[in-house]
Amino acid sequence: MFTVTIINMKLLLKILFFCVLLRTGTFLECETCKSLGETCTGEMKTCPKGKDTCLTIYTESNRDGPEIQKVERGCGSSYHCTFPPVYFHLGYGKVYRSNWVCCKGEECGKVLVKLPPKATEYNGKQCPACFAWSEKCKAELMNCTGWDTSCFEMITASTANGTHVDQIMMGCTNKFVCATMEIERSDFWLNGDTIQKAKCRSLASRLVSLILPTFSGLFLLKIFL
């Protein structure tokens, strides 16, 4: 009787330990893939420690030519689920938009991520705007639209075919994206690009016009790396 009780207790402990592992996400598996378009398929992979949810990220961008759509699925952190959609307006009609959905396991394969509609109504604000594959670009004032009442500047780096590539983006975004930028320092936003520097500030249109020649000097608050 005593032996049976010990065996039952050991079995119970194993079951409890297994349940704890499930709750901590140790056995969480996510479909992992990346592709142009609105969806992709890939293998189910076990998530590493610290990754407790699956993410599907959808991005639309015409910052470097014709508009492209791309999707990426994989493991992520649940605190990313609270982030607002990313919207960067870079002038000359160039836009970078991204949004994501948190999900679990195989159900992520059915997820189609939607982007908020583009705002077209001018809101009276202006920001220096440009995009280039370098650390500097020649900015010109652009009219901001919708909820985009903040100016931003971001420099990122990536590696293509073993070559280091820098890029800079400047333009309009909204206060919700700026608020998130103050606490988020990872490469999560830009699909793997390393964020070297990012600055964000709300400015009135007249003030921006006056400080355009010294724009980079006035953005003193480093928010990312």
C-alpha atoms as a PDB file:
ATOM      1  CA  MET A   1       0.000   0.000   0.000  1.00  0.00           C
ATOM      2  CA  PHE A   2       2.785   2.391   0.948  1.00  0.00           C
ATOM      3  CA  THR A   3       4.681   1.547  -2.281  1.00  0.00           C
ATOM      4  CA  VAL A   4       1.582   2.175  -4.394  1.00  0.00           C
ATOM      5  CA  THR A   5       1.074   5.540  -2.689  1.00  0.00           C
ATOM      6  CA  ILE A   6       4.665   6.590  -3.466  1.00  0.00           C
ATOM      7  CA  ILE A   7       4.246   5.563  -7.109  1.00  0.00           C
ATOM      8  CA  ASN A   8       0.998   7.525  -7.351  1.00  0.00           C
ATOM      9  CA  MET A   9       2.661  10.579  -5.806  1.00  0.00           C
ATOM     10  CA  LYS A  10       5.553  10.377  -8.274  1.00  0.00           C
ATOM     11  CA  LEU A  11       3.098  10.082 -11.147  1.00  0.00           C
ATOM     12  CA  LEU A  12       1.156  13.068  -9.839  1.00  0.00           C
ATOM     13  CA  LEU A  13       4.352  15.126  -9.578  1.00  0.00           C
ATOM     14  CA  LYS A  14       5.267  14.246 -13.166  1.00  0.00           C
ATOM     15  CA  ILE A  15       1.830  15.319 -14.352  1.00  0.00           C
ATOM     16  CA  LEU A  16       2.068  18.580 -12.419  1.00  0.00           C
ATOM     17  CA  PHE A  17       5.555  19.241 -13.820  1.00  0.00           C
ATOM     18  CA  PHE A  18       4.291  18.593 -17.343  1.00  0.00           C
ATOM     19  CA  CYS A  19       1.419  21.039 -16.786  1.00  0.00           C
ATOM     20  CA  VAL A  20       3.854  23.680 -15.533  1.00  0.00           C
ATOM     21  CA  LEU A  21       5.971  23.234 -18.655  1.00  0.00           C
ATOM     22  CA  LEU A  22       2.905  23.687 -20.823  1.00  0.00           C
ATOM     23  CA  ARG A  23       1.888  26.839 -18.957  1.00  0.00           C
ATOM     24  CA  THR A  24       5.358  28.388 -19.286  1.00  0.00           C
ATOM     25  CA  GLY A  25       5.399  27.803 -23.019  1.00  0.00           C
ATOM     26  CA  THR A  26       8.318  25.338 -22.964  1.00  0.00           C
ATOM     27  CA  PHE A  27       6.518  23.094 -25.434  1.00  0.00           C
ATOM     28  CA  LEU A  28       4.991  25.899 -27.479  1.00  0.00           C
ATOM     29  CA  GLU A  29       5.354  25.287 -31.201  1.00  0.00           C
ATOM     30  CA  CYS A  30       4.853  27.897 -33.902  1.00  0.00           C
ATOM     31  CA  GLU A  31       4.743  27.722 -37.656  1.00  0.00           C
ATOM     32  CA  THR A  32       7.892  29.415 -38.952  1.00  0.00           C
ATOM     33  CA  CYS A  33       8.006  30.941 -42.418  1.00  0.00           C
ATOM     34  CA  LYS A  34       8.581  34.118 -44.410  1.00  0.00           C
ATOM     35  CA  SER A  35       7.272  35.000 -47.854  1.00  0.00           C
ATOM     36  CA  LEU A  36       6.059  37.739 -50.165  1.00  0.00           C
ATOM     37  CA  GLY A  37       2.281  38.052 -50.225  1.00  0.00           C
ATOM     38  CA  GLU A  38      -0.361  37.764 -47.523  1.00  0.00           C
ATOM     39  CA  THR A  39       0.347  34.270 -46.230  1.00  0.00           C
ATOM     40  CA  CYS A  40       3.097  31.672 -45.929  1.00  0.00           C
ATOM     41  CA  THR A  41       3.526  28.074 -44.808  1.00  0.00           C
ATOM     42  CA  GLY A  42       6.387  26.407 -42.984  1.00  0.00           C
ATOM     43  CA  GLU A  43       7.434  23.869 -40.393  1.00  0.00           C
ATOM     44  CA  MET A  44       6.244  23.839 -36.799  1.00  0.00           C
ATOM     45  CA  LYS A  45       9.227  24.649 -34.570  1.00  0.00           C
ATOM     46  CA  THR A  46       9.608  24.583 -30.790  1.00  0.00           C
ATOM     47  CA  CYS A  47       9.944  28.075 -29.346  1.00  0.00           C
ATOM     48  CA  PRO A  48      13.023  29.020 -27.298  1.00  0.00           C
ATOM     49  CA  LYS A  49      12.875  30.148 -23.693  1.00  0.00           C
ATOM     50  CA  GLY A  50      11.226  33.539 -23.288  1.00  0.00           C
ATOM     51  CA  LYS A  51       9.006  33.167 -26.341  1.00  0.00           C
ATOM     52  CA  ASP A  52       5.476  32.505 -25.135  1.00  0.00           C
ATOM     53  CA  THR A  53       3.269  33.151 -28.146  1.00  0.00           C
ATOM     54  CA  CYS A  54       3.166  32.776 -31.910  1.00  0.00           C
ATOM     55  CA  LEU A  55       3.175  35.859 -34.123  1.00  0.00           C
ATOM     56  CA  THR A  56       2.017  36.556 -37.641  1.00  0.00           C
ATOM     57  CA  ILE A  57       3.471  39.835 -38.962  1.00  0.00           C
ATOM     58  CA  TYR A  58       2.212  41.457 -42.164  1.00  0.00           C
ATOM     59  CA  THR A  59       3.959  44.398 -43.832  1.00  0.00           C
ATOM     60  CA  GLU A  60       3.230  46.632 -46.808  1.00  0.00           C
ATOM     61  CA  SER A  61       5.902  49.015 -48.082  1.00  0.00           C
ATOM     62  CA  ASN A  62       6.772  51.005 -51.184  1.00  0.00           C
ATOM     63  CA  ARG A  63       9.728  52.814 -49.622  1.00  0.00           C
ATOM     64  CA  ASP A  64      12.126  51.360 -52.183  1.00  0.00           C
ATOM     65  CA  GLY A  65      10.007  51.111 -55.331  1.00  0.00           C
ATOM     66  CA  PRO A  66       6.728  49.347 -56.186  1.00  0.00           C
ATOM     67  CA  GLU A  67       4.628  48.292 -53.207  1.00  0.00           C
ATOM     68  CA  ILE A  68       5.368  44.854 -51.818  1.00  0.00           C
ATOM     69  CA  GLN A  69       3.499  42.760 -49.280  1.00  0.00           C
ATOM     70  CA  LYS A  70       5.241  40.247 -47.061  1.00  0.00           C
ATOM     71  CA  VAL A  71       4.302  38.014 -44.156  1.00  0.00           C
ATOM     72  CA  GLU A  72       6.344  36.324 -41.449  1.00  0.00           C
ATOM     73  CA  ARG A  73       5.286  33.736 -38.867  1.00  0.00           C
ATOM     74  CA  GLY A  74       7.240  32.547 -35.852  1.00  0.00           C
ATOM     75  CA  CYS A  75       7.750  32.645 -32.092  1.00  0.00           C
ATOM     76  CA  GLY A  76       7.419  35.896 -30.176  1.00  0.00           C
ATOM     77  CA  SER A  77       6.851  37.541 -26.821  1.00  0.00           C
ATOM     78  CA  SER A  78       3.300  38.182 -25.651  1.00  0.00           C
ATOM     79  CA  TYR A  79       4.040  41.802 -24.735  1.00  0.00           C
ATOM     80  CA  HIS A  80       4.323  42.513 -28.472  1.00  0.00           C
ATOM     81  CA  CYS A  81       0.598  41.782 -28.684  1.00  0.00           C
ATOM     82  CA  THR A  82      -0.139  45.179 -27.123  1.00  0.00           C
ATOM     83  CA  PHE A  83       1.890  47.192 -29.646  1.00  0.00           C
ATOM     84  CA  PRO A  84       0.001  49.489 -32.050  1.00  0.00           C
ATOM     85  CA  PRO A  85       0.332  48.997 -35.817  1.00  0.00           C
ATOM     86  CA  VAL A  86       3.427  50.678 -37.270  1.00  0.00           C
ATOM     87  CA  TYR A  87       2.834  53.459 -39.779  1.00  0.00           C
ATOM     88  CA  PHE A  88       5.712  55.486 -41.244  1.00  0.00           C
ATOM     89  CA  HIS A  89       4.954  58.081 -43.945  1.00  0.00           C
ATOM     90  CA  LEU A  90       8.210  58.953 -45.718  1.00  0.00           C
ATOM     91  CA  GLY A  91       7.096  61.592 -48.218  1.00  0.00           C
ATOM     92  CA  TYR A  92       6.760  61.334 -52.013  1.00  0.00           C
ATOM     93  CA  GLY A  93       3.960  58.822 -51.458  1.00  0.00           C
ATOM     94  CA  LYS A  94       6.308  56.340 -49.773  1.00  0.00           C
ATOM     95  CA  VAL A  95       4.775  54.442 -46.859  1.00  0.00           C
ATOM     96  CA  TYR A  96       5.855  51.645 -44.519  1.00  0.00           C
ATOM     97  CA  ARG A  97       3.005  49.902 -42.643  1.00  0.00           C
ATOM     98  CA  SER A  98       3.068  46.800 -40.472  1.00  0.00           C
ATOM     99  CA  ASN A  99       0.703  44.971 -38.132  1.00  0.00           C
ATOM    100  CA  TRP A 100       0.649  41.623 -36.328  1.00  0.00           C
ATOM    101  CA  VAL A 101      -1.588  39.109 -34.614  1.00  0.00           C
ATOM    102  CA  CYS A 102      -0.738  36.890 -31.656  1.00  0.00           C
ATOM    103  CA  CYS A 103      -1.964  33.314 -31.870  1.00  0.00           C
ATOM    104  CA  LYS A 104      -1.086  29.811 -30.726  1.00  0.00           C
ATOM    105  CA  GLY A 105       0.141  26.803 -32.667  1.00  0.00           C
ATOM    106  CA  GLU A 106      -1.503  25.677 -35.877  1.00  0.00           C
ATOM    107  CA  GLU A 107      -4.303  28.255 -35.645  1.00  0.00           C
ATOM    108  CA  CYS A 108      -1.793  30.879 -36.830  1.00  0.00           C
ATOM    109  CA  GLY A 109      -1.914  29.334 -40.283  1.00  0.00           C
ATOM    110  CA  LYS A 110      -5.485  30.599 -40.637  1.00  0.00           C
ATOM    111  CA  VAL A 111      -4.690  34.170 -39.597  1.00  0.00           C
ATOM    112  CA  LEU A 112      -4.808  37.005 -42.134  1.00  0.00           C
ATOM    113  CA  VAL A 113      -3.474  40.234 -40.653  1.00  0.00           C
ATOM    114  CA  LYS A 114      -5.263  43.429 -41.664  1.00  0.00           C
ATOM    115  CA  LEU A 115      -3.833  46.941 -41.802  1.00  0.00           C
ATOM    116  CA  PRO A 116      -5.765  50.057 -40.782  1.00  0.00           C
ATOM    117  CA  PRO A 117      -6.991  52.140 -43.750  1.00  0.00           C
ATOM    118  CA  LYS A 118      -4.639  54.829 -45.030  1.00  0.00           C
ATOM    119  CA  ALA A 119      -5.457  58.336 -43.822  1.00  0.00           C
ATOM    120  CA  THR A 120      -5.473  60.983 -46.563  1.00  0.00           C
ATOM    121  CA  GLU A 121      -6.797  64.107 -44.820  1.00  0.00           C
ATOM    122  CA  TYR A 122      -4.096  66.713 -44.115  1.00  0.00           C
ATOM    123  CA  ASN A 123      -3.920  67.540 -40.388  1.00  0.00           C
ATOM    124  CA  GLY A 124      -1.902  70.777 -40.548  1.00  0.00           C
ATOM    125  CA  LYS A 125       1.390  69.213 -39.401  1.00  0.00           C
ATOM    126  CA  GLN A 126       4.605  68.907 -41.389  1.00  0.00           C
ATOM    127  CA  CYS A 127       7.765  66.845 -40.938  1.00  0.00           C
ATOM    128  CA  PRO A 128      11.105  66.499 -42.731  1.00  0.00           C
ATOM    129  CA  ALA A 129      10.858  63.294 -44.764  1.00  0.00           C
ATOM    130  CA  CYS A 130      13.151  61.072 -46.841  1.00  0.00           C
ATOM    131  CA  PHE A 131      14.396  57.522 -47.358  1.00  0.00           C
ATOM    132  CA  ALA A 132      17.800  56.281 -48.515  1.00  0.00           C
ATOM    133  CA  TRP A 133      20.095  53.266 -48.367  1.00  0.00           C
ATOM    134  CA  SER A 134      22.679  55.134 -46.300  1.00  0.00           C
ATOM    135  CA  GLU A 135      23.010  56.891 -42.940  1.00  0.00           C
ATOM    136  CA  LYS A 136      21.967  60.253 -44.396  1.00  0.00           C
ATOM    137  CA  CYS A 137      19.317  61.536 -46.773  1.00  0.00           C
ATOM    138  CA  LYS A 138      18.157  64.894 -48.099  1.00  0.00           C
ATOM    139  CA  ALA A 139      14.912  65.713 -46.295  1.00  0.00           C
ATOM    140  CA  GLU A 140      12.065  67.842 -47.601  1.00  0.00           C
ATOM    141  CA  LEU A 141       8.958  68.925 -45.712  1.00  0.00           C
ATOM    142  CA  MET A 142       5.905  66.752 -46.177  1.00  0.00           C
ATOM    143  CA  ASN A 143       2.306  67.237 -45.067  1.00  0.00           C
ATOM    144  CA  CYS A 144       1.187  64.787 -42.390  1.00  0.00           C
ATOM    145  CA  THR A 145      -2.253  63.182 -42.502  1.00  0.00           C
ATOM    146  CA  GLY A 146      -4.738  61.635 -40.103  1.00  0.00           C
ATOM    147  CA  TRP A 147      -3.364  60.862 -36.637  1.00  0.00           C
ATOM    148  CA  ASP A 148       0.251  61.364 -37.730  1.00  0.00           C
ATOM    149  CA  THR A 149       1.291  64.398 -35.695  1.00  0.00           C
ATOM    150  CA  SER A 150       4.831  63.311 -34.767  1.00  0.00           C
ATOM    151  CA  CYS A 151       8.115  63.456 -36.666  1.00  0.00           C
ATOM    152  CA  PHE A 152      10.518  60.530 -36.544  1.00  0.00           C
ATOM    153  CA  GLU A 153      14.002  59.603 -37.740  1.00  0.00           C
ATOM    154  CA  MET A 154      15.267  56.021 -37.788  1.00  0.00           C
ATOM    155  CA  ILE A 155      18.515  54.440 -38.966  1.00  0.00           C
ATOM    156  CA  THR A 156      18.678  50.662 -39.356  1.00  0.00           C
ATOM    157  CA  ALA A 157      21.225  48.149 -40.588  1.00  0.00           C
ATOM    158  CA  SER A 158      20.956  44.769 -42.268  1.00  0.00           C
ATOM    159  CA  THR A 159      23.218  42.266 -43.989  1.00  0.00           C
ATOM    160  CA  ALA A 160      22.630  41.289 -47.616  1.00  0.00           C
ATOM    161  CA  ASN A 161      24.891  38.688 -49.234  1.00  0.00           C
ATOM    162  CA  GLY A 162      27.485  39.316 -46.544  1.00  0.00           C
ATOM    163  CA  THR A 163      27.453  43.085 -47.083  1.00  0.00           C
ATOM    164  CA  HIS A 164      26.518  45.596 -44.376  1.00  0.00           C
ATOM    165  CA  VAL A 165      23.699  47.881 -45.540  1.00  0.00           C
ATOM    166  CA  ASP A 166      22.426  51.002 -43.751  1.00  0.00           C
ATOM    167  CA  GLN A 167      19.134  52.749 -44.372  1.00  0.00           C
ATOM    168  CA  ILE A 168      17.498  55.876 -43.017  1.00  0.00           C
ATOM    169  CA  MET A 169      13.834  56.801 -42.771  1.00  0.00           C
ATOM    170  CA  MET A 170      12.376  60.174 -41.782  1.00  0.00           C
ATOM    171  CA  GLY A 171       8.799  61.409 -41.876  1.00  0.00           C
ATOM    172  CA  CYS A 172       5.440  61.413 -40.099  1.00  0.00           C
ATOM    173  CA  THR A 173       4.047  58.893 -37.657  1.00  0.00           C
ATOM    174  CA  ASN A 174       1.568  58.928 -34.769  1.00  0.00           C
ATOM    175  CA  LYS A 175       1.979  59.410 -31.028  1.00  0.00           C
ATOM    176  CA  PHE A 176       1.099  55.792 -30.273  1.00  0.00           C
ATOM    177  CA  VAL A 177       4.016  54.511 -32.352  1.00  0.00           C
ATOM    178  CA  CYS A 178       6.277  57.109 -30.729  1.00  0.00           C
ATOM    179  CA  ALA A 179       5.200  56.032 -27.238  1.00  0.00           C
ATOM    180  CA  THR A 180       6.062  52.435 -28.075  1.00  0.00           C
ATOM    181  CA  MET A 181       9.408  53.486 -29.529  1.00  0.00           C
ATOM    182  CA  GLU A 182      10.366  54.809 -26.093  1.00  0.00           C
ATOM    183  CA  ILE A 183      10.329  51.327 -24.567  1.00  0.00           C
ATOM    184  CA  GLU A 184      10.934  48.954 -27.494  1.00  0.00           C
ATOM    185  CA  ARG A 185      14.584  48.535 -28.439  1.00  0.00           C
ATOM    186  CA  SER A 186      14.557  45.272 -30.407  1.00  0.00           C
ATOM    187  CA  ASP A 187      14.568  44.536 -34.123  1.00  0.00           C
ATOM    188  CA  PHE A 188      10.971  43.323 -33.898  1.00  0.00           C
ATOM    189  CA  TRP A 189       9.466  46.251 -35.793  1.00  0.00           C
ATOM    190  CA  LEU A 190      11.420  46.022 -39.010  1.00  0.00           C
ATOM    191  CA  ASN A 191      11.490  42.292 -39.700  1.00  0.00           C
ATOM    192  CA  GLY A 192      15.013  41.615 -38.522  1.00  0.00           C
ATOM    193  CA  ASP A 193      16.772  44.874 -39.403  1.00  0.00           C
ATOM    194  CA  THR A 194      18.975  46.079 -36.545  1.00  0.00           C
ATOM    195  CA  ILE A 195      17.781  49.444 -35.260  1.00  0.00           C
ATOM    196  CA  GLN A 196      20.831  51.631 -34.704  1.00  0.00           C
ATOM    197  CA  LYS A 197      19.108  54.893 -33.843  1.00  0.00           C
ATOM    198  CA  ALA A 198      15.558  56.197 -33.606  1.00  0.00           C
ATOM    199  CA  LYS A 199      14.227  59.582 -32.579  1.00  0.00           C
ATOM    200  CA  CYS A 200      10.680  60.797 -32.290  1.00  0.00           C
ATOM    201  CA  ARG A 201       9.090  64.100 -31.372  1.00  0.00           C
ATOM    202  CA  SER A 202       5.757  65.882 -31.718  1.00  0.00           C
ATOM    203  CA  LEU A 203       6.102  69.233 -33.467  1.00  0.00           C
ATOM    204  CA  ALA A 204       3.816  71.967 -34.772  1.00  0.00           C
ATOM    205  CA  SER A 205       4.061  72.672 -38.488  1.00  0.00           C
ATOM    206  CA  ARG A 206       5.542  76.169 -38.151  1.00  0.00           C
ATOM    207  CA  LEU A 207       8.157  75.016 -35.676  1.00  0.00           C
ATOM    208  CA  VAL A 208       9.227  72.209 -37.984  1.00  0.00           C
ATOM    209  CA  SER A 209       9.571  74.680 -40.857  1.00  0.00           C
ATOM    210  CA  LEU A 210      11.851  76.889 -38.782  1.00  0.00           C
ATOM    211  CA  ILE A 211      14.110  74.109 -37.561  1.00  0.00           C
ATOM    212  CA  LEU A 212      14.396  72.036 -40.744  1.00  0.00           C
ATOM    213  CA  PRO A 213      18.064  73.015 -41.369  1.00  0.00           C
ATOM    214  CA  THR A 214      18.983  71.771 -37.878  1.00  0.00           C
ATOM    215  CA  PHE A 215      16.477  68.934 -37.640  1.00  0.00           C
ATOM    216  CA  SER A 216      18.982  66.250 -36.704  1.00  0.00           C
ATOM    217  CA  GLY A 217      20.544  68.458 -34.050  1.00  0.00           C
ATOM    218  CA  LEU A 218      17.265  69.043 -32.258  1.00  0.00           C
ATOM    219  CA  PHE A 219      16.354  65.387 -31.961  1.00  0.00           C
ATOM    220  CA  LEU A 220      18.532  64.755 -28.926  1.00  0.00           C
ATOM    221  CA  LEU A 221      16.619  61.929 -27.303  1.00  0.00           C
ATOM    222  CA  LYS A 222      17.973  58.555 -28.379  1.00  0.00           C
ATOM    223  CA  ILE A 223      15.194  56.025 -27.990  1.00  0.00           C
ATOM    224  CA  PHE A 224      16.673  52.919 -29.584  1.00  0.00           C
ATOM    225  CA  LEU A 225      20.245  51.681 -29.751  1.00  0.00           C
END
